[in-house]
Protein backbone atom coordinates (compact mmCIF):
# COMPACT_ATOMS: atom_id res chain seq x y z
CA MET A 1 0.00 0.00 0.00
CA LYS A 2 1.31 3.44 -0.94
CA SER A 3 2.00 5.93 1.80
CA LEU A 4 -0.67 8.59 2.44
CA LEU A 5 1.77 11.02 4.04
CA ILE A 6 1.97 14.51 2.59
CA LYS A 7 5.68 14.11 1.83
CA ASP A 8 4.93 11.01 -0.27
CA THR A 9 1.98 12.38 -2.28
CA THR A 10 1.20 15.18 -4.67
CA ARG A 11 -1.75 17.52 -4.23
CA GLU A 12 -3.58 15.71 -7.03
CA GLU A 13 -3.00 12.36 -5.34
CA ARG A 14 -4.31 13.73 -2.04
CA GLU A 15 -7.44 15.05 -3.76
CA LYS A 16 -8.03 11.60 -5.22
CA ILE A 17 -7.39 9.89 -1.88
CA VAL A 18 -10.02 12.07 -0.19
CA ALA A 19 -12.50 11.76 -3.07
CA ASP A 20 -12.11 7.96 -3.20
CA SER A 21 -12.47 7.68 0.58
CA ILE A 22 -15.55 9.87 0.90
CA GLY A 23 -17.30 8.86 -2.28
CA TYR A 24 -19.52 10.94 -4.51
CA ILE A 25 -19.76 14.28 -2.68
CA ASP A 26 -22.03 16.02 -5.18
CA GLY A 27 -24.82 13.49 -4.78
CA SER A 28 -28.29 14.32 -3.58
CA CYS A 29 -27.70 13.93 0.14
CA ASP A 30 -28.39 16.40 2.93
CA GLY A 31 -25.10 18.22 2.44
CA CYS A 32 -23.09 16.22 4.95
CA MET A 33 -20.59 14.89 2.41
CA ALA A 34 -19.51 18.36 1.30
CA GLY A 35 -18.71 19.13 4.95
CA LEU A 36 -16.49 16.06 5.10
CA ALA A 37 -14.63 17.20 2.01
CA ASP A 38 -14.05 20.60 3.64
CA MET A 39 -12.73 18.86 6.76
CA TYR A 40 -9.91 17.32 4.70
CA GLN A 41 -8.93 20.49 2.83
CA ASP A 42 -5.84 20.99 5.05
CA TYR A 43 -4.64 17.53 4.03
CA ILE A 44 -5.23 18.22 0.36
CA GLU A 45 -3.32 21.50 0.64
CA GLY A 46 -0.44 19.78 2.45
CA ARG A 47 -0.86 21.57 5.79
CA ARG A 48 -1.94 18.69 8.07
CA GLU A 49 -1.64 14.93 7.88
CA ILE A 50 -4.84 12.98 7.41
CA LYS A 51 -4.28 11.04 10.64
CA ASP A 52 -4.15 14.28 12.64
CA ILE A 53 -7.43 15.49 11.12
CA ASN A 54 -9.08 12.14 11.91
CA MET A 55 -7.74 12.14 15.48
CA GLU A 56 -9.05 15.66 16.10
CA PHE A 57 -12.48 14.72 14.75
CA ARG A 58 -12.65 11.61 16.93
CA ALA A 59 -11.56 13.57 20.02
CA HIS A 60 -14.44 16.03 19.59
CA TYR A 61 -16.90 13.23 18.87
CA GLU A 62 -15.90 11.04 21.83
CA SER A 63 -15.56 13.85 24.34
CA GLY A 64 -18.92 15.41 23.53
CA ASP A 65 -17.35 18.89 23.58
CA ASP A 66 -19.83 20.10 21.01
CA GLY A 67 -22.84 18.34 22.47
CA PRO A 68 -25.07 18.72 25.52
CA THR A 69 -23.70 17.94 28.95
CA ARG A 70 -25.43 16.03 31.69
CA ASN A 71 -25.16 17.04 35.33
CA SER A 72 -26.49 13.85 36.86
CA CYS A 73 -27.94 10.53 35.93
CA GLY A 74 -31.49 11.63 36.79
CA TYR A 75 -32.01 8.96 39.47
CA LYS A 76 -30.19 10.79 42.22
CA ASN A 77 -32.28 13.12 44.41
C-alpha cells in the first residue's frame, strides 16, 4: 500500500485519496458529504496529515465537547 503522508503524495493524489475515501460528494444527500470534504482540505493543501485530522475529529466526537452535557444521571435526588 502506498504511503498517504503529505511528503509522499502530490496535491492531485491527495485530492483523489479524499475523493475515493468519501465517495460521490455532489450526490443528492443532505449536504453532509460536502462538509467532510471541507474537513480534509488541510490535508489536500499539504498543511496537516490525514491522521491528525481524523484524530481531532474523533476527540471532539468522543468527548462530547460540542454536544449537551449532563449534570447527573437523573435517578439521584
